[in-house]
Structure formats: structure tokens, C-alpha cells
Amino acid sequence: MKNHHNISNAKADGKVRIAGVRVSAPKCVRCMKPVQALYRPFCSRRCMDSDLGAWLSGAYSLPSDDCSHTHSKEDSKDEQ
């Protein structure tokens, strides 16, 4: 069976050429370096841990219409 896709190896610049089309290698969502498969979607353990720390510290949040989760820890202590 003949392969109709002309795929060459990834080049040193991180670009993959597919039938004349440039496709960029995935970039780390924290620092924009090339992604390493072991840490995907990050490039390293450092970036993975940094992102987890941001989530755990509350730097990231998801919007919600639910009012019951807007109370602080102090508010919940007062209710007990």
C-alpha cells in the first residue's frame, strides 16, 4: 500500500513538515519551551510543579454562578 502523506522527521527548529505544511511542536504552557512527553503539557518537572503550585495557592480560579462556595474559611467557622 502506498503512503500518500509525505512526512519527514522533525527538524532542529522544532518544525515538522507534512506535505509542505509547517506544524509546530507543542510548547510548554508555562514557559513556551518544547514539551517533553513525560511532563506533557509541560517541558519539565519544574514547570509542572510551578503550575500545580499556582492552582493550589488560588492563583487560578474557575468562574462559578454558585453562591455557596464564595464564603471564606472564617465564614464557615462562624457558621459552626
Protein backbone atom coordinates (compact mmCIF):
# COMPACT_ATOMS: atom_id res chain seq x y z
CA MET A 1 0.00 0.00 0.00
CA LYS A 2 1.39 3.39 -0.94
CA ASN A 3 1.60 6.10 1.72
CA HIS A 4 0.10 9.34 0.39
CA HIS A 5 1.48 11.50 3.18
CA ASN A 6 4.94 12.97 2.73
CA ILE A 7 6.15 13.16 6.34
CA SER A 8 9.75 13.96 7.12
CA ASN A 9 11.48 13.92 10.50
CA ALA A 10 11.24 16.81 12.89
CA LYS A 11 13.85 19.46 12.15
CA ALA A 12 16.22 21.06 14.65
CA ASP A 13 13.96 24.13 14.78
CA GLY A 14 11.09 22.03 16.20
CA LYS A 15 9.07 22.15 12.99
CA VAL A 16 7.59 19.06 11.39
CA ARG A 17 6.98 19.15 7.66
CA ILE A 18 3.88 17.34 6.40
CA ALA A 19 3.24 17.56 2.67
CA GLY A 20 4.64 21.08 2.55
CA VAL A 21 2.71 22.28 5.61
CA ARG A 22 4.56 23.54 8.70
CA VAL A 23 3.37 22.16 12.01
CA SER A 24 4.99 23.47 15.19
CA ALA A 25 5.95 21.17 18.02
CA PRO A 26 3.81 21.67 21.14
CA LYS A 27 5.05 24.34 23.56
CA CYS A 28 5.04 24.28 27.35
CA VAL A 29 2.03 26.15 28.72
CA ARG A 30 4.21 27.82 31.39
CA CYS A 31 7.43 28.84 29.61
CA MET A 32 6.85 28.10 25.90
CA LYS A 33 9.83 25.68 25.60
CA PRO A 34 9.27 22.44 23.64
CA VAL A 35 7.09 19.92 25.51
CA GLN A 36 8.65 16.74 26.90
CA ALA A 37 6.38 13.68 26.63
CA LEU A 38 6.93 12.69 30.27
CA TYR A 39 5.63 16.05 31.54
CA ARG A 40 3.09 16.91 28.83
CA PRO A 41 1.75 19.64 28.50
CA PHE A 42 4.86 20.98 30.27
CA CYS A 43 8.55 20.89 29.39
CA SER A 44 9.86 19.82 32.81
CA ARG A 45 9.02 18.84 36.35
CA ARG A 46 9.78 22.43 37.39
CA CYS A 47 7.07 23.88 35.13
CA MET A 48 4.63 21.14 36.15
CA ASP A 49 5.21 21.84 39.86
CA SER A 50 5.03 25.59 39.31
CA ASP A 51 1.63 25.24 37.65
CA LEU A 52 0.35 22.95 40.40
CA GLY A 53 1.52 25.47 43.00
CA ALA A 54 -0.41 28.21 41.21
CA TRP A 55 -3.60 26.12 41.34
CA LEU A 56 -3.11 25.21 45.00
CA SER A 57 -2.40 28.80 46.05
CA GLY A 58 -5.57 30.03 44.36
CA ALA A 59 -3.81 31.98 41.61
CA TYR A 60 -6.11 30.23 39.14
CA SER A 61 -9.84 30.01 39.65
CA LEU A 62 -12.83 28.84 37.70
CA PRO A 63 -15.84 31.13 37.42
CA SER A 64 -19.00 29.90 39.11
CA ASP A 65 -22.57 31.07 39.50
CA ASP A 66 -22.92 29.02 42.69
CA CYS A 67 -23.02 31.42 45.65
CA SER A 68 -22.48 28.72 48.27
CA HIS A 69 -18.74 28.49 47.51
CA THR A 70 -18.00 32.20 47.91
CA HIS A 71 -17.65 32.03 51.70
CA SER A 72 -14.18 32.17 53.18
CA LYS A 73 -12.83 29.69 55.73
CA GLU A 74 -13.53 32.21 58.51
CA ASP A 75 -17.20 32.43 57.42
CA SER A 76 -17.60 28.65 57.67
CA LYS A 77 -16.07 28.65 61.18
CA ASP A 78 -18.60 31.30 62.27
CA GLU A 79 -21.49 29.18 60.98
CA GLN A 80 -20.48 26.18 63.14
